[in-house]
Amino acid sequence: MRVTVNGAVRRIDAHPLKRLLDVLREDCGLTGTKEGCGEGECGACTVLVDGAPVNSCLVPFAHAGGARITTIEGLGGRHPLQRAFVEHNGAQCGICTPGMIMAAVALGKTPTLDDIRVGLAGNLCRCTGYAAIYRAVLDSRRVRKRNDRKDRKDRRSQRQA
């Protein structure tokens, strides 16, 4: 089956009922996505499928055919949310962190605190409480806005050149 994983088109030969989580970890070698509960209750395995957050432990691989899948590795370690989680101690043991970040990415660039609370409600953390996580997501908005302004300025400069 053909899927796009982190921007690269891949042909993966896996059983159609194999969980997307297992395909990503075992067949693609992308171990950043974690298994917490295996029942869709904790959100540790959250990835983006066509931009929407899903619990990959609940998705049969057959349902991902032709989809764009983004895992934590697809952020390349440079995403403002990743930095903010470190700076605000939003990551403790690390089991929930990749899923939490992916769910936060799906919220867009300027979520409100209420958006964050609702958007991350399906992701459980047993270490931090949620205040540090909420602070990290809120702080990443500032960095993302600054990056957007810089990108727009760069595009204008390129058009003028």
C-alpha atoms as a PDB file:
ATOM      1  CA  MET A   1       0.000   0.000   0.000  1.00  0.00           C
ATOM      2  CA  ARG A   2       1.212   3.519  -0.752  1.00  0.00           C
ATOM      3  CA  VAL A   3       1.229   6.133   1.983  1.00  0.00           C
ATOM      4  CA  THR A   4       3.063   9.387   2.495  1.00  0.00           C
ATOM      5  CA  VAL A   5       4.932   9.311   5.796  1.00  0.00           C
ATOM      6  CA  ASN A   6       6.567  12.533   6.937  1.00  0.00           C
ATOM      7  CA  GLY A   7       6.552  13.867   3.394  1.00  0.00           C
ATOM      8  CA  ALA A   8       8.030  10.778   1.695  1.00  0.00           C
ATOM      9  CA  VAL A   9       5.913   8.474  -0.437  1.00  0.00           C
ATOM     10  CA  ARG A  10       6.423   4.900   0.706  1.00  0.00           C
ATOM     11  CA  ARG A  11       5.212   1.517  -0.422  1.00  0.00           C
ATOM     12  CA  ILE A  12       4.654  -0.615   2.656  1.00  0.00           C
ATOM     13  CA  ASP A  13       3.795  -4.293   2.535  1.00  0.00           C
ATOM     14  CA  ALA A  14       1.884  -4.912   5.759  1.00  0.00           C
ATOM     15  CA  HIS A  15      -1.295  -6.761   6.652  1.00  0.00           C
ATOM     16  CA  PRO A  16      -4.267  -4.415   6.139  1.00  0.00           C
ATOM     17  CA  LEU A  17      -5.525  -5.036   9.694  1.00  0.00           C
ATOM     18  CA  LYS A  18      -2.168  -4.349  11.339  1.00  0.00           C
ATOM     19  CA  ARG A  19      -2.443  -1.266  13.525  1.00  0.00           C
ATOM     20  CA  LEU A  20      -1.020   1.916  12.036  1.00  0.00           C
ATOM     21  CA  LEU A  21       1.005   2.291  15.246  1.00  0.00           C
ATOM     22  CA  ASP A  22       2.755  -1.024  14.610  1.00  0.00           C
ATOM     23  CA  VAL A  23       3.350  -0.261  10.934  1.00  0.00           C
ATOM     24  CA  LEU A  24       5.000   3.041  11.858  1.00  0.00           C
ATOM     25  CA  ARG A  25       7.174   1.533  14.586  1.00  0.00           C
ATOM     26  CA  GLU A  26       8.005  -1.864  13.069  1.00  0.00           C
ATOM     27  CA  ASP A  27       7.813  -1.429   9.295  1.00  0.00           C
ATOM     28  CA  CYS A  28       8.934   2.205   9.071  1.00  0.00           C
ATOM     29  CA  GLY A  29      11.315   2.270  12.050  1.00  0.00           C
ATOM     30  CA  LEU A  30       9.653   5.407  13.429  1.00  0.00           C
ATOM     31  CA  THR A  31       9.706   4.689  17.140  1.00  0.00           C
ATOM     32  CA  GLY A  32       8.863   8.214  18.296  1.00  0.00           C
ATOM     33  CA  THR A  33       5.177   7.315  18.355  1.00  0.00           C
ATOM     34  CA  LYS A  34       4.541   5.563  21.660  1.00  0.00           C
ATOM     35  CA  GLU A  35       2.051   2.965  22.779  1.00  0.00           C
ATOM     36  CA  GLY A  36       0.480   3.812  26.083  1.00  0.00           C
ATOM     37  CA  CYS A  37      -2.756   1.918  26.536  1.00  0.00           C
ATOM     38  CA  GLY A  38      -3.361   0.262  23.145  1.00  0.00           C
ATOM     39  CA  GLU A  39      -7.060   1.108  23.500  1.00  0.00           C
ATOM     40  CA  GLY A  40      -7.313   4.698  22.264  1.00  0.00           C
ATOM     41  CA  GLU A  41      -7.718   6.093  25.767  1.00  0.00           C
ATOM     42  CA  CYS A  42      -4.399   7.863  26.426  1.00  0.00           C
ATOM     43  CA  GLY A  43      -3.343   9.623  23.194  1.00  0.00           C
ATOM     44  CA  ALA A  44       0.330   8.613  23.457  1.00  0.00           C
ATOM     45  CA  CYS A  45       0.180   7.193  19.930  1.00  0.00           C
ATOM     46  CA  THR A  46      -1.335  10.313  18.332  1.00  0.00           C
ATOM     47  CA  VAL A  47      -0.181  11.019  14.778  1.00  0.00           C
ATOM     48  CA  LEU A  48      -1.657  13.248  12.099  1.00  0.00           C
ATOM     49  CA  VAL A  49      -3.493  11.582   9.228  1.00  0.00           C
ATOM     50  CA  ASP A  50      -4.243  14.128   6.533  1.00  0.00           C
ATOM     51  CA  GLY A  51      -3.732  16.807   9.188  1.00  0.00           C
ATOM     52  CA  ALA A  52      -6.166  15.362  11.738  1.00  0.00           C
ATOM     53  CA  PRO A  53      -4.976  13.852  15.029  1.00  0.00           C
ATOM     54  CA  VAL A  54      -5.760  10.142  15.380  1.00  0.00           C
ATOM     55  CA  ASN A  55      -4.904   7.432  17.876  1.00  0.00           C
ATOM     56  CA  SER A  56      -2.758   5.212  15.677  1.00  0.00           C
ATOM     57  CA  CYS A  57      -3.400   2.214  17.943  1.00  0.00           C
ATOM     58  CA  LEU A  58      -7.016   2.207  16.723  1.00  0.00           C
ATOM     59  CA  VAL A  59      -6.418   2.693  12.997  1.00  0.00           C
ATOM     60  CA  PRO A  60      -6.079  -0.383  10.784  1.00  0.00           C
ATOM     61  CA  PHE A  61      -3.337   0.152   8.229  1.00  0.00           C
ATOM     62  CA  ALA A  62      -5.903  -0.343   5.441  1.00  0.00           C
ATOM     63  CA  HIS A  63      -7.574   2.924   6.494  1.00  0.00           C
ATOM     64  CA  ALA A  64      -4.330   4.836   5.943  1.00  0.00           C
ATOM     65  CA  GLY A  65      -4.011   3.950   2.261  1.00  0.00           C
ATOM     66  CA  GLY A  66      -3.182   7.048   0.232  1.00  0.00           C
ATOM     67  CA  ALA A  67      -3.086   9.248   3.339  1.00  0.00           C
ATOM     68  CA  ARG A  68      -0.484  11.780   4.471  1.00  0.00           C
ATOM     69  CA  ILE A  69       0.801  10.627   7.840  1.00  0.00           C
ATOM     70  CA  THR A  70       2.907  12.862  10.054  1.00  0.00           C
ATOM     71  CA  THR A  71       4.701  11.503  13.114  1.00  0.00           C
ATOM     72  CA  ILE A  72       6.817  13.304  15.688  1.00  0.00           C
ATOM     73  CA  GLU A  73       9.866  12.529  13.545  1.00  0.00           C
ATOM     74  CA  GLY A  74       8.241  14.511  10.745  1.00  0.00           C
ATOM     75  CA  LEU A  75       8.673  17.684  12.802  1.00  0.00           C
ATOM     76  CA  GLY A  76      12.433  17.239  12.569  1.00  0.00           C
ATOM     77  CA  GLY A  77      13.170  18.334  16.126  1.00  0.00           C
ATOM     78  CA  ARG A  78      12.883  21.987  15.055  1.00  0.00           C
ATOM     79  CA  HIS A  79       9.214  22.707  15.617  1.00  0.00           C
ATOM     80  CA  PRO A  80       8.464  25.548  18.065  1.00  0.00           C
ATOM     81  CA  LEU A  81       6.229  23.204  20.063  1.00  0.00           C
ATOM     82  CA  GLN A  82       9.115  20.813  20.631  1.00  0.00           C
ATOM     83  CA  ARG A  83      11.312  23.623  21.947  1.00  0.00           C
ATOM     84  CA  ALA A  84       8.517  25.022  24.096  1.00  0.00           C
ATOM     85  CA  PHE A  85       7.846  21.635  25.707  1.00  0.00           C
ATOM     86  CA  VAL A  86      11.489  21.480  26.790  1.00  0.00           C
ATOM     87  CA  GLU A  87      11.647  25.109  27.946  1.00  0.00           C
ATOM     88  CA  HIS A  88       8.447  24.871  30.004  1.00  0.00           C
ATOM     89  CA  ASN A  89       9.044  21.371  31.404  1.00  0.00           C
ATOM     90  CA  GLY A  90       6.055  20.048  29.494  1.00  0.00           C
ATOM     91  CA  ALA A  91       7.904  16.763  29.003  1.00  0.00           C
ATOM     92  CA  GLN A  92       8.704  14.524  31.932  1.00  0.00           C
ATOM     93  CA  CYS A  93       8.917  10.761  31.336  1.00  0.00           C
ATOM     94  CA  GLY A  94       8.361  11.241  27.581  1.00  0.00           C
ATOM     95  CA  ILE A  95       5.679   8.629  26.969  1.00  0.00           C
ATOM     96  CA  CYS A  96       2.887  11.135  26.289  1.00  0.00           C
ATOM     97  CA  THR A  97       5.065  13.877  24.810  1.00  0.00           C
ATOM     98  CA  PRO A  98       5.093  12.892  21.103  1.00  0.00           C
ATOM     99  CA  GLY A  99       1.324  12.375  21.060  1.00  0.00           C
ATOM    100  CA  MET A 100       0.727  15.551  23.043  1.00  0.00           C
ATOM    101  CA  ILE A 101       2.869  17.572  20.614  1.00  0.00           C
ATOM    102  CA  MET A 102       1.171  16.067  17.560  1.00  0.00           C
ATOM    103  CA  ALA A 103      -2.273  16.842  18.992  1.00  0.00           C
ATOM    104  CA  ALA A 104      -1.087  20.400  19.702  1.00  0.00           C
ATOM    105  CA  VAL A 105       0.231  20.791  16.133  1.00  0.00           C
ATOM    106  CA  ALA A 106      -3.263  19.966  14.880  1.00  0.00           C
ATOM    107  CA  LEU A 107      -4.639  22.934  16.854  1.00  0.00           C
ATOM    108  CA  GLY A 108      -3.049  25.368  14.413  1.00  0.00           C
ATOM    109  CA  LYS A 109      -0.834  28.342  15.092  1.00  0.00           C
ATOM    110  CA  THR A 110      -2.949  30.438  17.463  1.00  0.00           C
ATOM    111  CA  PRO A 111      -5.097  28.257  19.724  1.00  0.00           C
ATOM    112  CA  THR A 112      -6.687  29.801  22.782  1.00  0.00           C
ATOM    113  CA  LEU A 113      -6.316  28.215  26.210  1.00  0.00           C
ATOM    114  CA  ASP A 114      -9.806  26.755  25.803  1.00  0.00           C
ATOM    115  CA  ASP A 115      -8.851  25.345  22.380  1.00  0.00           C
ATOM    116  CA  ILE A 116      -5.792  23.750  23.956  1.00  0.00           C
ATOM    117  CA  ARG A 117      -7.737  22.221  26.839  1.00  0.00           C
ATOM    118  CA  VAL A 118     -10.309  20.726  24.484  1.00  0.00           C
ATOM    119  CA  GLY A 119      -7.790  19.693  21.823  1.00  0.00           C
ATOM    120  CA  LEU A 120      -5.527  17.906  24.285  1.00  0.00           C
ATOM    121  CA  ALA A 121      -8.320  16.367  26.369  1.00  0.00           C
ATOM    122  CA  GLY A 122      -7.730  12.943  24.787  1.00  0.00           C
ATOM    123  CA  ASN A 123      -4.043  12.952  25.713  1.00  0.00           C
ATOM    124  CA  LEU A 124      -3.233  11.832  29.229  1.00  0.00           C
ATOM    125  CA  CYS A 125      -0.130  12.796  31.186  1.00  0.00           C
ATOM    126  CA  ARG A 126       0.667  11.191  34.512  1.00  0.00           C
ATOM    127  CA  CYS A 127       3.791  13.229  35.301  1.00  0.00           C
ATOM    128  CA  THR A 128       3.424  16.966  34.694  1.00  0.00           C
ATOM    129  CA  GLY A 129      -0.088  17.911  35.519  1.00  0.00           C
ATOM    130  CA  TYR A 130      -1.161  19.981  32.569  1.00  0.00           C
ATOM    131  CA  ALA A 131      -0.108  23.536  33.469  1.00  0.00           C
ATOM    132  CA  ALA A 132       3.389  23.154  31.982  1.00  0.00           C
ATOM    133  CA  ILE A 133       1.960  21.606  28.821  1.00  0.00           C
ATOM    134  CA  TYR A 134      -0.578  24.404  28.396  1.00  0.00           C
ATOM    135  CA  ARG A 135       2.166  27.019  28.971  1.00  0.00           C
ATOM    136  CA  ALA A 136       4.335  25.331  26.342  1.00  0.00           C
ATOM    137  CA  VAL A 137       1.580  25.374  23.721  1.00  0.00           C
ATOM    138  CA  LEU A 138       0.660  28.970  24.518  1.00  0.00           C
ATOM    139  CA  ASP A 139       4.313  30.077  24.361  1.00  0.00           C
ATOM    140  CA  SER A 140       4.850  28.312  21.037  1.00  0.00           C
ATOM    141  CA  ARG A 141       2.204  30.636  19.540  1.00  0.00           C
ATOM    142  CA  ARG A 142       4.553  33.577  20.093  1.00  0.00           C
ATOM    143  CA  VAL A 143       7.433  31.834  18.316  1.00  0.00           C
ATOM    144  CA  ARG A 144       5.214  30.626  15.494  1.00  0.00           C
ATOM    145  CA  LYS A 145       3.821  34.132  14.916  1.00  0.00           C
ATOM    146  CA  ARG A 146       7.358  35.541  14.842  1.00  0.00           C
ATOM    147  CA  ASN A 147       8.399  32.851  12.331  1.00  0.00           C
ATOM    148  CA  ASP A 148       5.358  33.648  10.165  1.00  0.00           C
ATOM    149  CA  ARG A 149       6.285  37.352  10.095  1.00  0.00           C
ATOM    150  CA  LYS A 150       9.864  36.442   9.131  1.00  0.00           C
ATOM    151  CA  ASP A 151       8.646  34.081   6.377  1.00  0.00           C
ATOM    152  CA  ARG A 152       6.344  36.763   4.940  1.00  0.00           C
ATOM    153  CA  LYS A 153       9.195  39.299   4.994  1.00  0.00           C
ATOM    154  CA  ASP A 154      11.518  36.801   3.251  1.00  0.00           C
ATOM    155  CA  ARG A 155       8.910  36.098   0.544  1.00  0.00           C
ATOM    156  CA  ARG A 156       8.427  39.827  -0.070  1.00  0.00           C
ATOM    157  CA  SER A 157      12.197  40.279  -0.377  1.00  0.00           C
ATOM    158  CA  GLN A 158      12.414  37.416  -2.862  1.00  0.00           C
ATOM    159  CA  ARG A 159       9.619  38.867  -5.010  1.00  0.00           C
ATOM    160  CA  GLN A 160      11.306  42.277  -5.048  1.00  0.00           C
ATOM    161  CA  ALA A 161      14.667  40.811  -6.050  1.00  0.00           C
END
